């Protein structure tokens, strides 16, 4: 009865938790599991696209003289995030430069994260291959040891059976040596009375 109440209480607790939207679910899955190259790249590209779009909107709002359209702001954001920086469009107001500084920092972080993600994937893959090779070698060594032990057990069984046969044949054979006389005195040979 108490187990059923605990289970019911746990179910109510789960139902009471807020449901995550798709972005939160994907982000929490990304943080829980070791990232694969494809998933890491998709997160990075998505974050970069969001920064480019947000920068286009922000630059249009804060520096509308230099960026008359969102597209021009997005062009600057794309150049800055990818660290290309053509220089054909630059913010003229301090607020636009502040947004540009944030975009630049995100661009640097973007390159660092891409490099780190690719490197960690290669390192993890190499570690898995090394572990698999070690496991294979240990497995082969264990098989070799088992084979040797089986051979030794067979040899021991043969030795035991040979010892058993020898001991049985000794029991069945008469004892060698001078025959004993009746009455308990041993025969001492000819001419001795």
N, C-alpha and C. Protein backbone atom coordinates (compact mmCIF):
# COMPACT_ATOMS: atom_id res chain seq x y z
N UNK A 1 0.82 -1.19 0.00
CA UNK A 1 0.00 0.00 0.00
C UNK A 1 0.87 1.26 0.00
N UNK A 2 1.92 1.25 0.81
CA UNK A 2 2.80 2.42 0.90
C UNK A 2 3.54 2.63 -0.42
N UNK A 3 3.89 1.53 -1.10
CA UNK A 3 4.58 1.62 -2.38
C UNK A 3 3.70 2.27 -3.43
N UNK A 4 2.41 1.95 -3.40
CA UNK A 4 1.47 2.54 -4.36
C UNK A 4 1.32 4.03 -4.12
N UNK A 5 1.32 4.45 -2.85
CA UNK A 5 1.19 5.87 -2.53
C UNK A 5 2.44 6.64 -2.98
N UNK A 6 3.60 6.02 -2.77
CA UNK A 6 4.84 6.68 -3.23
C UNK A 6 4.86 6.83 -4.74
N UNK A 7 4.40 5.79 -5.43
CA UNK A 7 4.35 5.83 -6.88
C UNK A 7 3.37 6.90 -7.36
N UNK A 8 2.23 6.99 -6.70
CA UNK A 8 1.24 8.00 -7.07
C UNK A 8 1.79 9.41 -6.82
N UNK A 9 2.48 9.58 -5.69
CA UNK A 9 3.06 10.88 -5.38
C UNK A 9 4.13 11.27 -6.40
N UNK A 10 4.94 10.28 -6.82
CA UNK A 10 5.98 10.54 -7.82
C UNK A 10 5.35 10.93 -9.15
N UNK A 11 4.26 10.26 -9.53
CA UNK A 11 3.57 10.60 -10.78
C UNK A 11 3.02 12.01 -10.72
N UNK A 12 2.48 12.41 -9.58
CA UNK A 12 1.96 13.78 -9.45
C UNK A 12 3.09 14.80 -9.54
N UNK A 13 4.24 14.48 -8.98
CA UNK A 13 5.38 15.38 -9.04
C UNK A 13 5.84 15.56 -10.49
N UNK A 14 5.88 14.47 -11.24
CA UNK A 14 6.29 14.55 -12.64
C UNK A 14 5.29 15.38 -13.44
N UNK A 15 4.00 15.18 -13.17
CA UNK A 15 2.98 15.95 -13.89
C UNK A 15 3.05 17.44 -13.55
N UNK A 16 3.47 17.75 -12.32
CA UNK A 16 3.54 19.14 -11.90
C UNK A 16 4.73 19.88 -12.51
N UNK A 17 5.74 19.14 -12.97
CA UNK A 17 6.90 19.79 -13.58
C UNK A 17 6.50 20.47 -14.88
N UNK A 18 7.07 21.65 -15.13
CA UNK A 18 6.74 22.32 -16.40
C UNK A 18 7.34 21.55 -17.58
N UNK A 19 6.59 21.50 -18.65
CA UNK A 19 7.07 20.81 -19.85
C UNK A 19 8.05 21.72 -20.58
N UNK A 20 9.11 21.13 -21.06
CA UNK A 20 10.13 21.90 -21.75
C UNK A 20 9.73 22.09 -23.20
N UNK A 21 10.03 23.27 -23.73
CA UNK A 21 9.78 23.48 -25.16
C UNK A 21 10.87 22.77 -25.95
N UNK A 22 10.72 22.64 -27.27
CA UNK A 22 11.70 21.88 -28.06
C UNK A 22 13.13 22.38 -27.93
N UNK A 23 13.33 23.68 -27.84
CA UNK A 23 14.68 24.22 -27.73
C UNK A 23 15.30 23.80 -26.39
N UNK A 24 14.51 23.91 -25.31
CA UNK A 24 15.02 23.51 -23.99
C UNK A 24 15.31 22.02 -23.94
N UNK A 25 14.44 21.20 -24.55
CA UNK A 25 14.67 19.75 -24.57
C UNK A 25 15.95 19.42 -25.31
N UNK A 26 16.15 20.08 -26.45
CA UNK A 26 17.34 19.80 -27.24
C UNK A 26 18.60 20.25 -26.50
N UNK A 27 18.53 21.41 -25.86
CA UNK A 27 19.67 21.92 -25.12
C UNK A 27 19.98 21.04 -23.92
N UNK A 28 18.96 20.60 -23.19
CA UNK A 28 19.21 19.73 -22.03
C UNK A 28 19.77 18.38 -22.48
N UNK A 29 19.30 17.85 -23.60
CA UNK A 29 19.84 16.60 -24.13
C UNK A 29 21.30 16.80 -24.54
N UNK A 30 21.60 17.92 -25.15
CA UNK A 30 22.97 18.23 -25.57
C UNK A 30 23.90 18.30 -24.37
N UNK A 31 23.41 18.87 -23.27
CA UNK A 31 24.25 19.02 -22.08
C UNK A 31 24.38 17.72 -21.30
N UNK A 32 23.37 16.83 -21.37
CA UNK A 32 23.39 15.57 -20.64
C UNK A 32 24.30 14.53 -21.28
N UNK A 33 24.24 14.42 -22.60
CA UNK A 33 24.97 13.37 -23.31
C UNK A 33 26.24 13.94 -23.92
N UNK A 34 27.25 13.11 -24.07
CA UNK A 34 28.45 13.61 -24.74
C UNK A 34 28.11 13.97 -26.18
N UNK A 35 28.50 15.16 -26.61
CA UNK A 35 28.07 15.61 -27.93
C UNK A 35 28.76 14.85 -29.07
N UNK A 36 28.00 14.63 -30.11
CA UNK A 36 28.56 14.09 -31.33
C UNK A 36 28.87 15.29 -32.21
N UNK A 37 29.70 15.10 -33.18
CA UNK A 37 30.13 16.21 -34.03
C UNK A 37 28.93 16.87 -34.71
N UNK A 38 28.02 16.06 -35.21
CA UNK A 38 26.85 16.60 -35.91
C UNK A 38 25.97 17.43 -34.98
N UNK A 39 25.70 16.92 -33.77
CA UNK A 39 24.84 17.66 -32.86
C UNK A 39 25.54 18.92 -32.35
N UNK A 40 26.85 18.83 -32.11
CA UNK A 40 27.59 20.02 -31.68
C UNK A 40 27.57 21.08 -32.77
N UNK A 41 27.76 20.67 -33.99
CA UNK A 41 27.74 21.62 -35.11
C UNK A 41 26.36 22.24 -35.26
N UNK A 42 25.30 21.44 -35.09
CA UNK A 42 23.95 21.99 -35.24
C UNK A 42 23.65 23.00 -34.15
N UNK A 43 24.10 22.74 -32.93
CA UNK A 43 23.89 23.71 -31.84
C UNK A 43 24.66 24.99 -32.13
N UNK A 44 25.89 24.86 -32.59
CA UNK A 44 26.71 26.04 -32.87
C UNK A 44 26.13 26.85 -34.02
N UNK A 45 25.71 26.17 -35.07
CA UNK A 45 25.14 26.88 -36.22
C UNK A 45 23.84 27.56 -35.82
N UNK A 46 23.01 26.88 -35.04
CA UNK A 46 21.75 27.48 -34.58
C UNK A 46 22.02 28.72 -33.73
N UNK A 47 22.96 28.61 -32.80
CA UNK A 47 23.30 29.76 -31.95
C UNK A 47 23.83 30.91 -32.79
N UNK A 48 24.65 30.59 -33.78
CA UNK A 48 25.21 31.65 -34.64
C UNK A 48 24.11 32.32 -35.46
N UNK A 49 23.20 31.53 -35.99
CA UNK A 49 22.09 32.12 -36.77
C UNK A 49 21.23 33.01 -35.89
N UNK A 50 20.99 32.56 -34.66
CA UNK A 50 20.20 33.40 -33.75
C UNK A 50 20.93 34.71 -33.45
N UNK A 51 22.24 34.66 -33.28
CA UNK A 51 23.00 35.87 -33.02
C UNK A 51 22.97 36.80 -34.23
N UNK A 52 23.07 36.23 -35.43
CA UNK A 52 23.04 37.04 -36.65
C UNK A 52 21.69 37.74 -36.78
N UNK A 53 20.61 37.00 -36.60
CA UNK A 53 19.27 37.60 -36.71
C UNK A 53 19.05 38.64 -35.62
N UNK A 54 19.42 38.28 -34.37
CA UNK A 54 19.25 39.23 -33.27
C UNK A 54 20.09 40.48 -33.49
N UNK A 55 21.31 40.30 -34.00
CA UNK A 55 22.15 41.48 -34.25
C UNK A 55 21.56 42.37 -35.34
N UNK A 56 20.98 41.75 -36.36
CA UNK A 56 20.34 42.55 -37.41
C UNK A 56 19.20 43.40 -36.87
N UNK A 57 18.39 42.79 -36.02
CA UNK A 57 17.27 43.52 -35.42
C UNK A 57 17.79 44.59 -34.47
N UNK A 58 18.74 44.24 -33.60
CA UNK A 58 19.28 45.21 -32.64
C UNK A 58 19.97 46.38 -33.33
N UNK A 59 20.76 46.08 -34.34
CA UNK A 59 21.45 47.18 -35.04
C UNK A 59 20.46 48.08 -35.76
N UNK A 60 19.42 47.52 -36.29
CA UNK A 60 18.38 48.34 -36.95
C UNK A 60 17.72 49.26 -35.93
N UNK A 61 17.51 48.76 -34.72
CA UNK A 61 16.84 49.55 -33.69
C UNK A 61 17.77 50.61 -33.10
N UNK A 62 19.01 50.23 -32.77
CA UNK A 62 19.88 51.16 -32.05
C UNK A 62 20.69 52.07 -32.97
N UNK A 63 20.93 51.67 -34.22
CA UNK A 63 21.72 52.49 -35.14
C UNK A 63 21.02 52.52 -36.49
N UNK A 64 19.80 53.07 -36.51
CA UNK A 64 18.97 53.02 -37.72
C UNK A 64 19.49 53.90 -38.86
N UNK A 65 20.37 54.84 -38.57
CA UNK A 65 20.91 55.65 -39.67
C UNK A 65 21.90 54.85 -40.50
N UNK A 66 22.73 54.06 -39.85
CA UNK A 66 23.72 53.25 -40.58
C UNK A 66 23.10 51.97 -41.13
N UNK A 67 22.06 51.46 -40.45
CA UNK A 67 21.41 50.20 -40.84
C UNK A 67 19.93 50.46 -41.11
N UNK A 68 19.62 50.91 -42.33
CA UNK A 68 18.23 51.24 -42.64
C UNK A 68 17.33 50.01 -42.75
N UNK A 69 17.89 48.82 -42.87
CA UNK A 69 17.07 47.61 -42.92
C UNK A 69 17.69 46.54 -42.01
N UNK A 70 16.86 45.60 -41.63
CA UNK A 70 17.33 44.48 -40.81
C UNK A 70 18.36 43.66 -41.58
N UNK A 71 18.18 43.57 -42.90
CA UNK A 71 19.09 42.77 -43.73
C UNK A 71 20.50 43.32 -43.71
N UNK A 72 20.63 44.63 -43.70
CA UNK A 72 21.96 45.24 -43.65
C UNK A 72 22.60 44.96 -42.28
N UNK A 73 21.80 45.01 -41.22
CA UNK A 73 22.29 44.68 -39.88
C UNK A 73 22.69 43.21 -39.78
N UNK A 74 21.90 42.33 -40.43
CA UNK A 74 22.24 40.91 -40.44
C UNK A 74 23.52 40.68 -41.23
N UNK A 75 23.73 41.43 -42.32
CA UNK A 75 24.96 41.30 -43.10
C UNK A 75 26.17 41.65 -42.23
N UNK A 76 26.06 42.76 -41.48
CA UNK A 76 27.15 43.12 -40.58
C UNK A 76 27.35 42.04 -39.51
N UNK A 77 26.26 41.54 -38.96
CA UNK A 77 26.33 40.50 -37.93
C UNK A 77 27.00 39.24 -38.46
N UNK A 78 26.67 38.83 -39.70
CA UNK A 78 27.26 37.63 -40.30
C UNK A 78 28.77 37.83 -40.53
N UNK A 79 29.14 39.00 -41.03
CA UNK A 79 30.56 39.29 -41.23
C UNK A 79 31.33 39.26 -39.92
N UNK A 80 30.71 39.80 -38.88
CA UNK A 80 31.39 39.92 -37.61
C UNK A 80 31.49 38.57 -36.89
N UNK A 81 30.38 37.81 -36.90
CA UNK A 81 30.36 36.52 -36.22
C UNK A 81 31.36 35.57 -36.87
N UNK A 82 31.44 35.59 -38.18
CA UNK A 82 32.37 34.69 -38.87
C UNK A 82 33.78 35.25 -38.92
N UNK A 83 34.00 36.39 -38.30
CA UNK A 83 35.28 37.10 -38.22
C UNK A 83 35.86 37.46 -39.58
N UNK A 84 34.98 37.64 -40.58
CA UNK A 84 35.44 38.07 -41.91
C UNK A 84 35.70 39.56 -41.89
N UNK A 85 34.69 40.35 -41.51
CA UNK A 85 34.83 41.78 -41.35
C UNK A 85 35.26 42.53 -42.60
N UNK A 86 34.38 42.60 -43.61
CA UNK A 86 34.71 43.33 -44.84
C UNK A 86 34.95 44.81 -44.59
N UNK A 87 34.22 45.38 -43.65
CA UNK A 87 34.38 46.80 -43.37
C UNK A 87 33.49 47.69 -44.21
N UNK A 88 32.63 47.11 -45.04
CA UNK A 88 31.74 47.93 -45.87
C UNK A 88 30.63 48.57 -45.06
N UNK A 89 30.29 47.98 -43.92
CA UNK A 89 29.26 48.53 -43.04
C UNK A 89 29.83 48.52 -41.63
N UNK A 90 29.79 49.68 -40.96
CA UNK A 90 30.25 49.76 -39.57
C UNK A 90 29.28 50.61 -38.78
N UNK A 91 29.08 50.29 -37.51
CA UNK A 91 28.16 51.10 -36.70
C UNK A 91 28.77 52.48 -36.41
N UNK A 92 27.90 53.49 -36.41
CA UNK A 92 28.40 54.85 -36.16
C UNK A 92 28.05 55.35 -34.76
N UNK A 93 26.99 54.85 -34.16
CA UNK A 93 26.61 55.26 -32.81
C UNK A 93 27.24 54.33 -31.76
N UNK A 94 27.36 54.83 -30.54
CA UNK A 94 27.95 54.05 -29.45
C UNK A 94 27.12 52.80 -29.15
N UNK A 95 25.81 52.92 -29.23
CA UNK A 95 24.95 51.75 -28.96
C UNK A 95 25.17 50.68 -30.03
N UNK A 96 25.35 51.11 -31.28
CA UNK A 96 25.62 50.16 -32.36
C UNK A 96 26.98 49.50 -32.16
N UNK A 97 27.95 50.27 -31.67
CA UNK A 97 29.27 49.70 -31.43
C UNK A 97 29.25 48.71 -30.26
N UNK A 98 28.40 48.97 -29.27
CA UNK A 98 28.26 48.03 -28.17
C UNK A 98 27.69 46.70 -28.67
N UNK A 99 26.67 46.78 -29.52
CA UNK A 99 26.11 45.56 -30.12
C UNK A 99 27.18 44.87 -30.96
N UNK A 100 27.95 45.63 -31.71
CA UNK A 100 29.02 45.05 -32.54
C UNK A 100 30.06 44.35 -31.66
N UNK A 101 30.39 44.92 -30.51
CA UNK A 101 31.36 44.29 -29.61
C UNK A 101 30.82 42.94 -29.12
N UNK A 102 29.55 42.89 -28.79
CA UNK A 102 28.94 41.62 -28.35
C UNK A 102 28.99 40.58 -29.48
N UNK A 103 28.73 41.05 -30.69
CA UNK A 103 28.78 40.13 -31.84
C UNK A 103 30.21 39.62 -32.05
N UNK A 104 31.18 40.51 -31.90
CA UNK A 104 32.59 40.10 -32.05
C UNK A 104 32.95 39.04 -31.02
N UNK A 105 32.55 39.25 -29.77
CA UNK A 105 32.85 38.26 -28.73
C UNK A 105 32.19 36.92 -29.04
N UNK A 106 30.98 36.96 -29.55
CA UNK A 106 30.30 35.72 -29.92
C UNK A 106 31.03 35.05 -31.07
N UNK A 107 31.57 35.84 -32.00
CA UNK A 107 32.32 35.28 -33.12
C UNK A 107 33.58 34.56 -32.66
N UNK A 108 34.27 35.17 -31.70
CA UNK A 108 35.47 34.53 -31.16
C UNK A 108 35.08 33.24 -30.43
N UNK A 109 34.00 33.31 -29.65
CA UNK A 109 33.53 32.12 -28.93
C UNK A 109 33.10 31.04 -29.93
N UNK A 110 32.50 31.46 -31.02
CA UNK A 110 32.07 30.51 -32.05
C UNK A 110 33.26 29.71 -32.58
N UNK A 111 34.33 30.39 -32.92
CA UNK A 111 35.51 29.69 -33.43
C UNK A 111 36.12 28.78 -32.37
N UNK A 112 36.18 29.26 -31.14
CA UNK A 112 36.75 28.45 -30.06
C UNK A 112 35.92 27.20 -29.80
N UNK A 113 34.61 27.36 -29.82
CA UNK A 113 33.73 26.21 -29.55
C UNK A 113 33.79 25.21 -30.69
N UNK A 114 33.82 25.69 -31.92
CA UNK A 114 33.92 24.76 -33.05
C UNK A 114 35.22 23.96 -32.96
N UNK A 115 36.31 24.65 -32.68
CA UNK A 115 37.60 23.97 -32.57
C UNK A 115 37.58 22.98 -31.41
N UNK A 116 37.05 23.39 -30.28
CA UNK A 116 37.00 22.50 -29.11
C UNK A 116 36.10 21.30 -29.37
N UNK A 117 34.96 21.51 -30.02
CA UNK A 117 34.03 20.41 -30.29
C UNK A 117 34.66 19.38 -31.23
N UNK A 118 35.30 19.86 -32.25
CA UNK A 118 35.93 18.94 -33.20
C UNK A 118 37.08 18.20 -32.52
N UNK A 119 37.89 18.91 -31.76
CA UNK A 119 39.01 18.28 -31.07
C UNK A 119 38.53 17.26 -30.06
N UNK A 120 37.52 17.60 -29.26
CA UNK A 120 37.03 16.66 -28.25
C UNK A 120 36.42 15.43 -28.90
N UNK A 121 35.79 15.59 -30.04
CA UNK A 121 35.23 14.44 -30.74
C UNK A 121 36.35 13.51 -31.20
N UNK A 122 37.41 14.08 -31.76
CA UNK A 122 38.53 13.25 -32.19
C UNK A 122 39.21 12.57 -31.02
N UNK A 123 39.37 13.28 -29.92
CA UNK A 123 40.02 12.71 -28.74
C UNK A 123 39.16 11.58 -28.17
N UNK A 124 37.86 11.80 -28.09
CA UNK A 124 36.95 10.76 -27.56
C UNK A 124 36.96 9.54 -28.47
N UNK A 125 36.94 9.75 -29.76
CA UNK A 125 36.96 8.63 -30.70
C UNK A 125 38.27 7.84 -30.58
N UNK A 126 39.39 8.55 -30.46
CA UNK A 126 40.69 7.88 -30.31
C UNK A 126 40.73 7.09 -29.00
N UNK A 127 40.17 7.65 -27.93
CA UNK A 127 40.14 6.95 -26.64
C UNK A 127 39.28 5.69 -26.74
N UNK A 128 38.16 5.77 -27.44
CA UNK A 128 37.31 4.58 -27.62
C UNK A 128 38.04 3.51 -28.41
N UNK A 129 38.74 3.91 -29.46
CA UNK A 129 39.48 2.95 -30.27
C UNK A 129 40.61 2.30 -29.45
N UNK A 130 41.29 3.11 -28.65
CA UNK A 130 42.35 2.59 -27.80
C UNK A 130 41.78 1.60 -26.78
N UNK A 131 40.64 1.95 -26.20
CA UNK A 131 39.99 1.07 -25.23
C UNK A 131 39.55 -0.23 -25.88
N UNK A 132 39.00 -0.14 -27.10
CA UNK A 132 38.57 -1.34 -27.81
C UNK A 132 39.77 -2.23 -28.12
N UNK A 133 40.88 -1.63 -28.54
CA UNK A 133 42.09 -2.41 -28.83
C UNK A 133 42.62 -3.08 -27.57
N UNK A 134 42.60 -2.36 -26.46
CA UNK A 134 43.04 -2.93 -25.18
C UNK A 134 42.13 -4.07 -24.77
N UNK A 135 40.82 -3.89 -24.92
CA UNK A 135 39.87 -4.94 -24.57
C UNK A 135 40.10 -6.18 -25.43
N UNK A 136 40.35 -5.99 -26.72
CA UNK A 136 40.60 -7.13 -27.62
C UNK A 136 41.86 -7.87 -27.19
N UNK A 137 42.91 -7.13 -26.86
CA UNK A 137 44.17 -7.76 -26.44
C UNK A 137 43.98 -8.52 -25.13
N UNK A 138 43.25 -7.93 -24.20
CA UNK A 138 43.01 -8.60 -22.92
C UNK A 138 42.15 -9.85 -23.11
N UNK A 139 41.19 -9.75 -24.00
CA UNK A 139 40.32 -10.91 -24.29
C UNK A 139 41.14 -12.04 -24.90
N UNK A 140 42.03 -11.72 -25.83
CA UNK A 140 42.88 -12.74 -26.45
C UNK A 140 43.81 -13.36 -25.41
N UNK A 141 44.35 -12.54 -24.53
CA UNK A 141 45.23 -13.05 -23.48
C UNK A 141 44.47 -13.96 -22.53
N UNK A 142 43.24 -13.60 -22.19
CA UNK A 142 42.41 -14.43 -21.31
C UNK A 142 42.10 -15.77 -21.97
N UNK A 143 41.80 -15.74 -23.28
CA UNK A 143 41.54 -17.00 -24.00
C UNK A 143 42.79 -17.88 -23.99
N UNK A 144 43.97 -17.28 -24.17
CA UNK A 144 45.22 -18.02 -24.16
C UNK A 144 45.45 -18.65 -22.78
N UNK A 145 45.21 -17.90 -21.74
CA UNK A 145 45.38 -18.41 -20.38
C UNK A 145 44.42 -19.57 -20.12
N UNK A 146 43.16 -19.43 -20.55
CA UNK A 146 42.19 -20.51 -20.36
C UNK A 146 42.61 -21.76 -21.13
N UNK A 147 43.13 -21.58 -22.31
CA UNK A 147 43.59 -22.74 -23.10
C UNK A 147 44.74 -23.44 -22.38
N UNK A 148 45.68 -22.66 -21.86
CA UNK A 148 46.80 -23.25 -21.13
C UNK A 148 46.33 -23.98 -19.88
N UNK A 149 45.38 -23.38 -19.16
CA UNK A 149 44.86 -24.02 -17.96
C UNK A 149 44.14 -25.32 -18.30
N UNK A 150 43.39 -25.32 -19.40
CA UNK A 150 42.72 -26.55 -19.83
C UNK A 150 43.74 -27.63 -20.17
N UNK A 151 44.82 -27.24 -20.85
CA UNK A 151 45.89 -28.21 -21.16
C UNK A 151 46.51 -28.77 -19.89
N UNK A 152 46.78 -27.90 -18.92
CA UNK A 152 47.36 -28.35 -17.65
C UNK A 152 46.41 -29.27 -16.91
N UNK A 153 45.13 -28.96 -16.93
CA UNK A 153 44.15 -29.81 -16.26
C UNK A 153 44.12 -31.18 -16.92
N UNK A 154 44.20 -31.24 -18.23
CA UNK A 154 44.24 -32.52 -18.94
C UNK A 154 45.48 -33.32 -18.57
N UNK A 155 46.62 -32.64 -18.50
CA UNK A 155 47.86 -33.32 -18.13
C UNK A 155 47.79 -33.85 -16.70
N UNK A 156 47.21 -33.06 -15.79
CA UNK A 156 47.06 -33.51 -14.41
C UNK A 156 46.15 -34.73 -14.32
N UNK A 157 45.07 -34.72 -15.08
CA UNK A 157 44.16 -35.88 -15.09
C UNK A 157 44.88 -37.13 -15.58
N UNK A 158 45.69 -37.00 -16.62
CA UNK A 158 46.44 -38.15 -17.13
C UNK A 158 47.44 -38.65 -16.10
N UNK A 159 48.13 -37.73 -15.42
CA UNK A 159 49.09 -38.12 -14.39
C UNK A 159 48.39 -38.83 -13.23
N UNK A 160 47.24 -38.30 -12.82
CA UNK A 160 46.49 -38.94 -11.73
C UNK A 160 46.06 -40.35 -12.12
N UNK A 161 45.60 -40.53 -13.33
CA UNK A 161 45.16 -41.87 -13.76
C UNK A 161 46.36 -42.81 -13.85
N UNK A 162 47.52 -42.30 -14.31
CA UNK A 162 48.72 -43.14 -14.36
C UNK A 162 49.16 -43.54 -12.96
N UNK A 163 49.12 -42.62 -12.00
CA UNK A 163 49.48 -42.92 -10.62
C UNK A 163 48.51 -43.94 -10.04
N UNK A 164 47.26 -43.79 -10.35
CA UNK A 164 46.24 -44.73 -9.87
C UNK A 164 46.51 -46.13 -10.42
N UNK A 165 46.82 -46.23 -11.72
CA UNK A 165 47.12 -47.54 -12.31
C UNK A 165 48.36 -48.16 -11.68
N UNK A 166 49.37 -47.35 -11.46
CA UNK A 166 50.59 -47.87 -10.84
C UNK A 166 50.33 -48.37 -9.41
N UNK A 167 49.57 -47.62 -8.66
CA UNK A 167 49.30 -48.04 -7.29
C UNK A 167 48.44 -49.30 -7.26
N UNK A 168 47.50 -49.43 -8.20
CA UNK A 168 46.67 -50.64 -8.26
C UNK A 168 47.50 -51.84 -8.68
N UNK A 169 48.45 -51.69 -9.60
CA UNK A 169 49.27 -52.81 -10.05
C UNK A 169 50.22 -53.26 -8.95
N UNK A 170 50.67 -52.43 -8.06
CA UNK A 170 51.55 -52.79 -6.95
C UNK A 170 50.78 -53.59 -5.91
N UNK A 171 49.53 -53.25 -5.72
CA UNK A 171 48.74 -53.97 -4.73
C UNK A 171 48.48 -55.38 -5.22
N UNK A 172 48.25 -55.56 -6.50
CA UNK A 172 47.95 -56.87 -7.06
C UNK A 172 49.18 -57.77 -7.15
N UNK A 173 50.38 -57.28 -7.28
CA UNK A 173 51.61 -58.07 -7.42
C UNK A 173 52.04 -58.63 -6.07
N UNK A 174 52.62 -59.89 -6.09
CA UNK A 174 53.19 -60.40 -4.84
C UNK A 174 54.46 -59.65 -4.52
N UNK A 175 54.75 -59.65 -3.27
CA UNK A 175 55.91 -58.91 -2.80
C UNK A 175 57.17 -59.68 -3.15
N UNK A 176 58.16 -59.01 -3.64
CA UNK A 176 59.42 -59.67 -3.99
C UNK A 176 60.32 -59.71 -2.76
N UNK A 177 61.10 -60.72 -2.70
CA UNK A 177 62.02 -60.86 -1.58
C UNK A 177 62.05 -62.32 -1.13
N UNK A 178 62.86 -62.69 -0.12
CA UNK A 178 62.97 -64.09 0.32
C UNK A 178 61.65 -64.56 0.93
N UNK A 179 61.27 -65.82 0.60
CA UNK A 179 60.04 -66.33 1.19
C UNK A 179 60.22 -66.59 2.67
N UNK A 180 59.21 -66.46 3.41
CA UNK A 180 59.25 -66.68 4.85
C UNK A 180 58.90 -68.13 5.17
N UNK A 181 59.59 -68.65 6.13
CA UNK A 181 59.31 -70.02 6.55
C UNK A 181 58.11 -70.05 7.45
N UNK A 182 57.52 -71.24 7.52
CA UNK A 182 56.37 -71.35 8.39
C UNK A 182 56.84 -71.29 9.81
N UNK A 183 56.25 -70.84 10.63
CA UNK A 183 56.66 -70.75 12.02
C UNK A 183 57.33 -69.42 12.29
N UNK A 184 57.51 -68.65 11.35
CA UNK A 184 58.01 -67.31 11.56
C UNK A 184 59.47 -67.15 11.34
N UNK A 185 60.26 -68.21 11.24
CA UNK A 185 61.69 -68.04 11.01
C UNK A 185 61.95 -67.96 9.54
N UNK A 186 62.84 -67.12 9.19
CA UNK A 186 63.17 -66.97 7.77
C UNK A 186 64.16 -68.02 7.37
N UNK A 187 64.07 -68.40 6.13
CA UNK A 187 65.01 -69.37 5.57
C UNK A 187 66.32 -68.63 5.40
N UNK A 188 67.38 -69.15 6.03
CA UNK A 188 68.66 -68.46 5.96
C UNK A 188 69.55 -68.99 4.87
N UNK A 189 69.08 -69.96 4.16
CA UNK A 189 69.87 -70.48 3.05
C UNK A 189 70.28 -71.93 3.28
N UNK A 190 71.03 -72.57 2.32
CA UNK A 190 71.40 -73.97 2.43
C UNK A 190 72.46 -74.22 3.50
N UNK A 191 72.32 -75.31 4.13
CA UNK A 191 73.29 -75.74 5.12
C UNK A 191 73.14 -75.07 6.45
N UNK A 192 72.22 -74.26 6.63
CA UNK A 192 72.07 -73.60 7.92
C UNK A 192 70.88 -74.24 8.60
N UNK A 193 71.09 -74.65 9.85
CA UNK A 193 69.95 -75.26 10.52
C UNK A 193 69.45 -74.43 11.64
